[in-house]
Amino acid sequence: MRAVRIDEFGGPEVLVPVEVPDPVAGPGEVLVRIAAAGVNRADALIRSGRYHRAGRPPLIPGAEAAGVVAAVGEGVSGLAVGQRVMALDGIDAPGFYAELAAVPAERVTALPDGLGLTEAATLPVAWLSAWYCLRSLARVTKEDTVVVKAAASGVGTAAVQIAAEAGARVIALAGSAERAAWAGGFGAQDVLDTSAFPGDAEVDEILRLTDGRGADVVLDTVGGRAFGRSLREVGHGGRVVALANVALEPSTVDTRDFYPKNAAILGFQLTNLQIHGYDPRPDLRELADRVAAGAYRVPVETVLPLEEARAAHERLANRDHRGKIVLAVADL
């Protein structure tokens, strides 16, 4: 089968198209013929050797995909050959930059009618992360004001919509006026171009927009120095949810920025959550049903052939894309 493999850690140039043997579905596994694979920042961290759970090359990256069941292994029930599915991969297994993947059945979710495979390929990582962080961790309600950082990203555009559907007031932050306005179009009441409010000015503007109270929830998808600002932007009894450090830099925390406010810091990491018993299928089913019903829009900015995975990672590194980047593997 065709695949894209990493034979050594490095930049996008190490993503090499190769031919590899077809996998087979072992006991408890589902063989998925992949139509589309989502591209995520975790893929880039794996490629560069900076992901904490990545193994050693050779590696096939890709943590999320959608396609059709090609075979089921012994002991698998509820899934059948020909069924349309989406799949979430673990870091300890070959990924989805390939035509076929053998996936544990508990990471495979059937798709409802009305949900396309390209859109479905973007749900298991970015959308599920936003969904879990806002609904299960922060427990966002219509009484809340929610700050979403990097709101033009895949997680960000999902989070804006999920929080808005809950009735919350959403403040969307992005790195340019154009990206902030675009992200705001998914349901945010306020937008903030962080390039116009660098550093402490961002904190001051969030406080101004909330009449000095601070936000009830801050979804921090950036990390590094931005995390310190998130602690200052949250209000009394608020929640800061940290789910990334794309800045790849240390976060300096002053405990005085959160403990006097009785604020909570909540961490999220999808792979470790699964290792400790989280079954993503119920949340993914509900999320897929909401997308299929038209409650949410899944913005896919760029679709590239599998062999152009390098270009996809270069696009990701530029950080000027809006929404998701997807690799088209097969027309199913």
Protein backbone atom coordinates (compact mmCIF):
# COMPACT_ATOMS: atom_id res chain seq x y z
CA MET A 1 0.00 0.00 0.00
CA ARG A 2 0.95 3.64 -0.35
CA ALA A 3 2.01 5.43 2.83
CA VAL A 4 4.05 8.41 4.01
CA ARG A 5 6.79 7.48 6.44
CA ILE A 6 9.32 9.20 8.68
CA ASP A 7 12.68 7.42 8.52
CA GLU A 8 14.44 10.06 10.60
CA PHE A 9 13.28 13.00 12.68
CA GLY A 10 13.44 16.41 11.07
CA GLY A 11 11.54 19.01 9.08
CA PRO A 12 8.74 18.45 6.57
CA GLU A 13 11.26 17.07 4.07
CA VAL A 14 11.53 13.81 6.07
CA LEU A 15 7.95 12.88 5.12
CA VAL A 16 8.66 10.38 2.35
CA PRO A 17 6.08 8.53 0.19
CA VAL A 18 6.79 4.79 0.29
CA GLU A 19 5.25 1.42 -0.55
CA VAL A 20 4.80 -0.85 2.47
CA PRO A 21 3.04 -4.19 3.04
CA ASP A 22 -0.69 -4.11 3.66
CA PRO A 23 -1.58 -4.48 7.36
CA VAL A 24 -4.08 -7.11 8.51
CA ALA A 25 -6.73 -6.89 11.19
CA GLY A 26 -5.68 -8.86 14.23
CA PRO A 27 -7.96 -9.92 17.11
CA GLY A 28 -9.97 -6.95 18.33
CA GLU A 29 -8.90 -4.80 15.38
CA VAL A 30 -10.60 -3.20 12.40
CA LEU A 31 -8.85 -2.75 9.05
CA VAL A 32 -9.83 0.69 7.71
CA ARG A 33 -9.38 1.69 4.08
CA ILE A 34 -8.61 5.36 4.48
CA ALA A 35 -10.25 8.09 2.43
CA ALA A 36 -8.88 11.12 4.28
CA ALA A 37 -6.49 11.84 7.14
CA GLY A 38 -6.46 14.96 9.27
CA VAL A 39 -3.21 16.86 9.75
CA ASN A 40 -2.48 18.03 13.29
CA ARG A 41 0.26 19.82 15.19
CA ALA A 42 0.93 16.59 17.07
CA ASP A 43 1.91 15.06 13.71
CA ALA A 44 4.50 17.79 13.26
CA LEU A 45 5.85 17.24 16.77
CA ILE A 46 6.13 13.51 16.10
CA ARG A 47 7.91 14.20 12.81
CA SER A 48 10.42 16.50 14.53
CA GLY A 49 11.03 14.14 17.47
CA ARG A 50 9.53 16.55 20.01
CA TYR A 51 6.41 14.59 20.98
CA HIS A 52 6.73 13.03 24.42
CA ARG A 53 5.05 9.73 23.45
CA ALA A 54 6.51 9.28 19.97
CA GLY A 55 8.46 6.13 19.26
CA ARG A 56 11.56 5.92 17.11
CA PRO A 57 11.57 5.99 13.29
CA PRO A 58 10.54 4.49 10.99
CA LEU A 59 7.07 5.88 11.78
CA ILE A 60 3.87 6.46 9.84
CA PRO A 61 2.26 9.60 11.33
CA GLY A 62 -1.39 10.60 11.42
CA ALA A 63 -3.72 10.45 14.43
CA GLU A 64 -7.16 10.79 12.82
CA ALA A 65 -8.83 9.56 9.66
CA ALA A 66 -12.08 8.50 8.04
CA GLY A 67 -12.78 5.75 5.55
CA VAL A 68 -14.49 2.42 5.07
CA VAL A 69 -14.13 -0.84 6.99
CA ALA A 70 -12.15 -3.30 4.85
CA ALA A 71 -12.04 -6.21 7.33
CA VAL A 72 -12.77 -6.99 10.97
CA GLY A 73 -10.67 -9.10 13.24
CA GLU A 74 -11.70 -11.85 15.60
CA GLY A 75 -13.89 -10.70 18.45
CA VAL A 76 -15.04 -7.43 16.87
CA SER A 77 -18.77 -6.72 16.93
CA GLY A 78 -20.90 -3.77 15.85
CA LEU A 79 -18.78 -2.97 12.80
CA ALA A 80 -19.06 -4.51 9.34
CA VAL A 81 -17.16 -4.50 6.05
CA GLY A 82 -18.22 -1.54 3.93
CA GLN A 83 -19.30 0.60 6.88
CA ARG A 84 -18.24 4.27 6.87
CA VAL A 85 -16.17 5.08 9.96
CA MET A 86 -13.79 7.54 11.56
CA ALA A 87 -10.77 6.38 13.53
CA LEU A 88 -8.54 7.75 16.26
CA ASP A 89 -5.04 6.39 16.45
CA GLY A 90 -2.75 5.90 19.42
CA ILE A 91 0.83 7.15 19.37
CA ASP A 92 2.01 3.57 19.90
CA ALA A 93 0.62 2.34 16.56
CA PRO A 94 1.19 3.05 12.85
CA GLY A 95 -0.72 6.15 11.84
CA PHE A 96 -3.12 7.16 9.11
CA TYR A 97 -0.90 8.68 6.43
CA ALA A 98 -1.54 5.47 4.52
CA GLU A 99 -4.11 3.64 2.41
CA LEU A 100 -4.87 1.07 5.12
CA ALA A 101 -4.59 0.94 8.90
CA ALA A 102 -5.34 -1.78 11.45
CA VAL A 103 -6.98 -0.02 14.39
CA PRO A 104 -8.24 -1.28 17.77
CA ALA A 105 -12.03 -1.47 17.53
CA GLU A 106 -12.48 0.86 20.52
CA ARG A 107 -10.92 3.65 18.45
CA VAL A 108 -13.31 3.23 15.49
CA THR A 109 -16.69 4.99 15.35
CA ALA A 110 -19.43 4.50 12.74
CA LEU A 111 -20.53 7.63 10.87
CA PRO A 112 -24.08 8.92 10.52
CA ASP A 113 -25.58 9.64 7.13
CA GLY A 114 -24.98 13.17 5.95
CA LEU A 115 -21.41 13.44 7.24
CA GLY A 116 -18.75 13.41 4.53
CA LEU A 117 -15.51 11.48 4.94
CA THR A 118 -13.33 14.57 4.55
CA GLU A 119 -15.13 16.39 7.36
CA ALA A 120 -15.25 13.24 9.49
CA ALA A 121 -11.47 12.90 9.25
CA THR A 122 -11.10 16.15 11.23
CA LEU A 123 -13.26 15.18 14.20
CA PRO A 124 -11.32 12.60 16.26
CA VAL A 125 -8.52 14.94 17.42
CA ALA A 126 -9.23 18.67 17.15
CA TRP A 127 -12.99 18.56 17.47
CA LEU A 128 -13.02 15.85 20.13
CA SER A 129 -10.44 17.82 22.12
CA ALA A 130 -12.54 20.99 22.03
CA TRP A 131 -15.69 19.02 22.83
CA TYR A 132 -14.21 17.24 25.85
CA CYS A 133 -12.44 20.32 27.22
CA LEU A 134 -15.51 22.55 27.10
CA ARG A 135 -18.22 20.03 27.98
CA SER A 136 -16.57 17.54 30.36
CA LEU A 137 -13.81 19.62 31.95
CA ALA A 138 -14.93 23.27 31.91
CA ARG A 139 -18.66 22.39 31.85
CA VAL A 140 -19.50 25.53 29.92
CA THR A 141 -23.01 26.97 30.33
CA LYS A 142 -24.95 29.95 29.05
CA GLU A 143 -23.82 31.89 32.13
CA ASP A 144 -20.16 31.77 31.07
CA THR A 145 -17.83 34.00 29.14
CA VAL A 146 -15.33 31.83 27.27
CA VAL A 147 -11.99 32.98 25.84
CA VAL A 148 -10.75 30.78 22.97
CA LYS A 149 -7.10 31.25 22.04
CA ALA A 150 -5.84 30.44 18.51
CA ALA A 151 -9.50 30.59 17.50
CA ALA A 152 -8.77 30.22 13.78
CA SER A 153 -7.15 26.81 14.28
CA GLY A 154 -8.90 23.46 14.02
CA VAL A 155 -9.43 23.23 17.79
CA GLY A 156 -10.26 26.92 17.95
CA THR A 157 -13.02 26.96 15.33
CA ALA A 158 -14.55 23.89 16.97
CA ALA A 159 -14.36 25.46 20.43
CA VAL A 160 -16.00 28.71 19.32
CA GLN A 161 -18.97 26.80 17.94
CA ILE A 162 -19.31 24.38 20.86
CA ALA A 163 -19.20 27.18 23.42
CA ALA A 164 -21.60 29.33 21.39
CA GLU A 165 -24.08 26.45 21.07
CA ALA A 166 -24.01 26.14 24.88
CA GLY A 167 -25.17 29.75 25.02
CA ALA A 168 -21.89 31.17 26.32
CA ARG A 169 -20.46 34.52 25.35
CA VAL A 170 -17.34 33.77 23.31
CA ILE A 171 -14.26 35.97 22.89
CA ALA A 172 -12.17 34.64 19.99
CA LEU A 173 -8.44 35.42 19.86
CA ALA A 174 -6.28 35.06 16.75
CA GLY A 175 -3.00 36.42 15.45
CA SER A 176 -4.30 38.86 12.82
CA ALA A 177 -7.35 41.01 12.25
CA GLU A 178 -8.43 38.84 9.31
CA ARG A 179 -8.08 35.55 11.21
CA ALA A 180 -9.83 36.96 14.26
CA ALA A 181 -12.76 38.23 12.18
CA TRP A 182 -13.01 34.91 10.36
CA ALA A 183 -13.02 32.92 13.61
CA GLY A 184 -15.62 35.28 15.03
CA GLY A 185 -17.96 34.27 12.24
CA PHE A 186 -18.46 30.90 13.94
CA GLY A 187 -20.44 32.44 16.77
CA ALA A 188 -18.12 34.66 18.85
CA GLN A 189 -19.57 37.86 20.28
CA ASP A 190 -16.14 39.52 20.48
CA VAL A 191 -12.89 39.05 18.59
CA LEU A 192 -9.37 40.10 19.48
CA ASP A 193 -6.43 40.47 17.12
CA THR A 194 -3.59 39.52 19.45
CA SER A 195 -0.99 41.10 17.15
CA ALA A 196 -2.53 44.47 18.05
CA PHE A 197 -2.51 43.62 21.77
CA PRO A 198 0.85 41.93 22.47
CA GLY A 199 1.82 40.61 25.88
CA ASP A 200 0.19 42.31 28.84
CA ALA A 201 -2.03 44.38 26.53
CA GLU A 202 -3.94 41.17 25.73
CA VAL A 203 -4.72 40.68 29.42
CA ASP A 204 -5.83 44.28 29.79
CA GLU A 205 -8.15 43.98 26.79
CA ILE A 206 -9.75 40.76 28.07
CA LEU A 207 -10.37 42.45 31.41
CA ARG A 208 -11.84 45.47 29.63
CA LEU A 209 -14.17 43.28 27.58
CA THR A 210 -15.36 41.57 30.76
CA ASP A 211 -15.78 44.79 32.78
CA GLY A 212 -12.81 43.84 34.94
CA ARG A 213 -14.25 40.49 36.04
CA GLY A 214 -12.18 38.24 33.80
CA ALA A 215 -13.43 35.25 31.84
CA ASP A 216 -15.21 32.26 33.34
CA VAL A 217 -13.31 29.87 31.04
CA VAL A 218 -10.05 30.30 29.12
CA LEU A 219 -9.23 27.58 26.59
CA ASP A 220 -5.46 27.79 26.23
CA THR A 221 -4.37 26.02 23.04
CA VAL A 222 -1.04 27.89 22.86
CA GLY A 223 0.93 27.32 26.08
CA GLY A 224 4.28 28.89 26.88
CA ARG A 225 4.02 32.54 27.89
CA ALA A 226 0.38 32.60 26.76
CA PHE A 227 -0.49 30.27 29.64
CA GLY A 228 0.68 32.83 32.19
CA ARG A 229 -1.60 35.39 30.55
CA SER A 230 -4.49 32.93 30.64
CA LEU A 231 -4.20 32.74 34.44
CA ARG A 232 -4.47 36.50 34.64
CA GLU A 233 -7.40 36.63 32.22
CA VAL A 234 -9.59 34.19 34.15
CA GLY A 235 -11.97 35.56 36.77
CA HIS A 236 -13.09 34.46 40.22
CA GLY A 237 -14.01 30.80 40.33
CA GLY A 238 -13.04 30.43 36.67
CA ARG A 239 -11.42 27.56 34.82
CA VAL A 240 -8.29 27.59 32.65
CA VAL A 241 -8.08 24.52 30.41
CA ALA A 242 -4.58 23.82 29.09
CA LEU A 243 -4.32 21.37 26.20
CA ALA A 244 -1.20 22.25 24.25
CA ASN A 245 2.16 23.96 24.17
CA VAL A 246 2.56 24.76 20.48
CA ALA A 247 4.85 27.58 21.55
CA LEU A 248 7.34 24.87 22.67
CA GLU A 249 8.57 27.09 25.48
CA PRO A 250 8.36 26.97 29.29
CA SER A 251 5.40 28.51 31.07
CA THR A 252 6.23 30.78 33.99
CA VAL A 253 3.42 30.66 36.54
CA ASP A 254 2.88 33.08 39.39
CA THR A 255 0.54 31.33 41.80
CA ARG A 256 -0.79 34.73 42.86
CA ASP A 257 -2.41 35.01 39.45
CA PHE A 258 -4.91 32.24 40.19
CA TYR A 259 -5.14 31.04 43.80
CA PRO A 260 -6.62 34.28 45.21
CA LYS A 261 -9.39 33.95 42.59
CA ASN A 262 -10.16 30.33 43.56
CA ALA A 263 -9.59 29.52 39.91
CA ALA A 264 -8.99 25.98 38.63
CA ILE A 265 -6.34 24.80 36.17
CA LEU A 266 -7.49 21.79 34.16
CA GLY A 267 -5.15 19.79 31.94
CA PHE A 268 -6.09 17.74 28.90
CA GLN A 269 -4.09 15.30 26.79
CA LEU A 270 -6.09 12.96 24.58
CA THR A 271 -3.68 10.03 24.37
CA ASN A 272 -3.12 9.84 28.13
CA LEU A 273 -6.86 10.13 28.69
CA GLN A 274 -7.38 7.01 26.58
CA ILE A 275 -4.56 5.17 28.34
CA HIS A 276 -6.36 5.81 31.62
CA GLY A 277 -9.65 4.37 30.41
CA TYR A 278 -11.45 7.05 28.38
CA ASP A 279 -13.59 5.58 25.59
CA PRO A 280 -13.91 8.29 22.90
CA ARG A 281 -16.74 6.61 20.98
CA PRO A 282 -19.78 8.02 22.85
CA ASP A 283 -18.47 11.59 22.55
CA LEU A 284 -17.50 11.08 18.91
CA ARG A 285 -20.94 9.66 18.07
CA GLU A 286 -22.68 12.64 19.63
CA LEU A 287 -20.30 15.08 17.98
CA ALA A 288 -20.69 13.43 14.55
CA ASP A 289 -24.47 13.52 14.90
CA ARG A 290 -24.35 17.25 15.69
CA VAL A 291 -22.16 17.95 12.65
CA ALA A 292 -24.37 15.81 10.38
CA ALA A 293 -27.45 17.68 11.63
CA GLY A 294 -25.89 21.01 10.66
CA ALA A 295 -25.32 22.31 14.19
CA TYR A 296 -21.62 22.87 13.48
CA ARG A 297 -19.56 23.83 10.43
CA VAL A 298 -16.28 22.01 9.87
CA PRO A 299 -13.95 24.38 8.01
CA VAL A 300 -11.49 22.46 5.85
CA GLU A 301 -9.14 24.97 4.28
CA THR A 302 -6.73 22.77 2.36
CA VAL A 303 -7.02 19.25 0.90
CA LEU A 304 -3.81 17.78 -0.53
CA PRO A 305 -2.98 14.33 -1.94
CA LEU A 306 -1.29 11.89 0.44
CA GLU A 307 1.99 12.21 -1.44
CA GLU A 308 2.03 15.95 -0.65
CA ALA A 309 2.20 15.45 3.12
CA ARG A 310 5.37 17.54 3.13
CA ALA A 311 3.48 20.51 1.66
CA ALA A 312 0.73 19.98 4.24
CA HIS A 313 3.24 20.19 7.08
CA GLU A 314 4.85 23.26 5.56
CA ARG A 315 1.41 24.87 5.42
CA LEU A 316 0.84 23.91 9.05
CA ALA A 317 4.18 25.41 10.08
CA ASN A 318 3.31 28.78 8.53
CA ARG A 319 0.45 29.14 11.06
CA ASP A 320 -1.59 31.27 8.70
CA HIS A 321 -4.15 28.64 7.69
CA ARG A 322 -7.78 28.76 8.77
CA GLY A 323 -9.43 25.60 10.01
CA LYS A 324 -8.15 22.15 9.09
CA ILE A 325 -5.67 20.69 6.64
CA VAL A 326 -6.57 17.24 5.29
CA LEU A 327 -4.73 14.64 3.21
CA ALA A 328 -6.86 12.95 0.55
CA VAL A 329 -5.88 9.28 0.41
CA ALA A 330 -8.57 7.62 -1.74
CA ASP A 331 -11.94 8.43 -3.30
CA LEU A 332 -14.29 6.11 -1.40
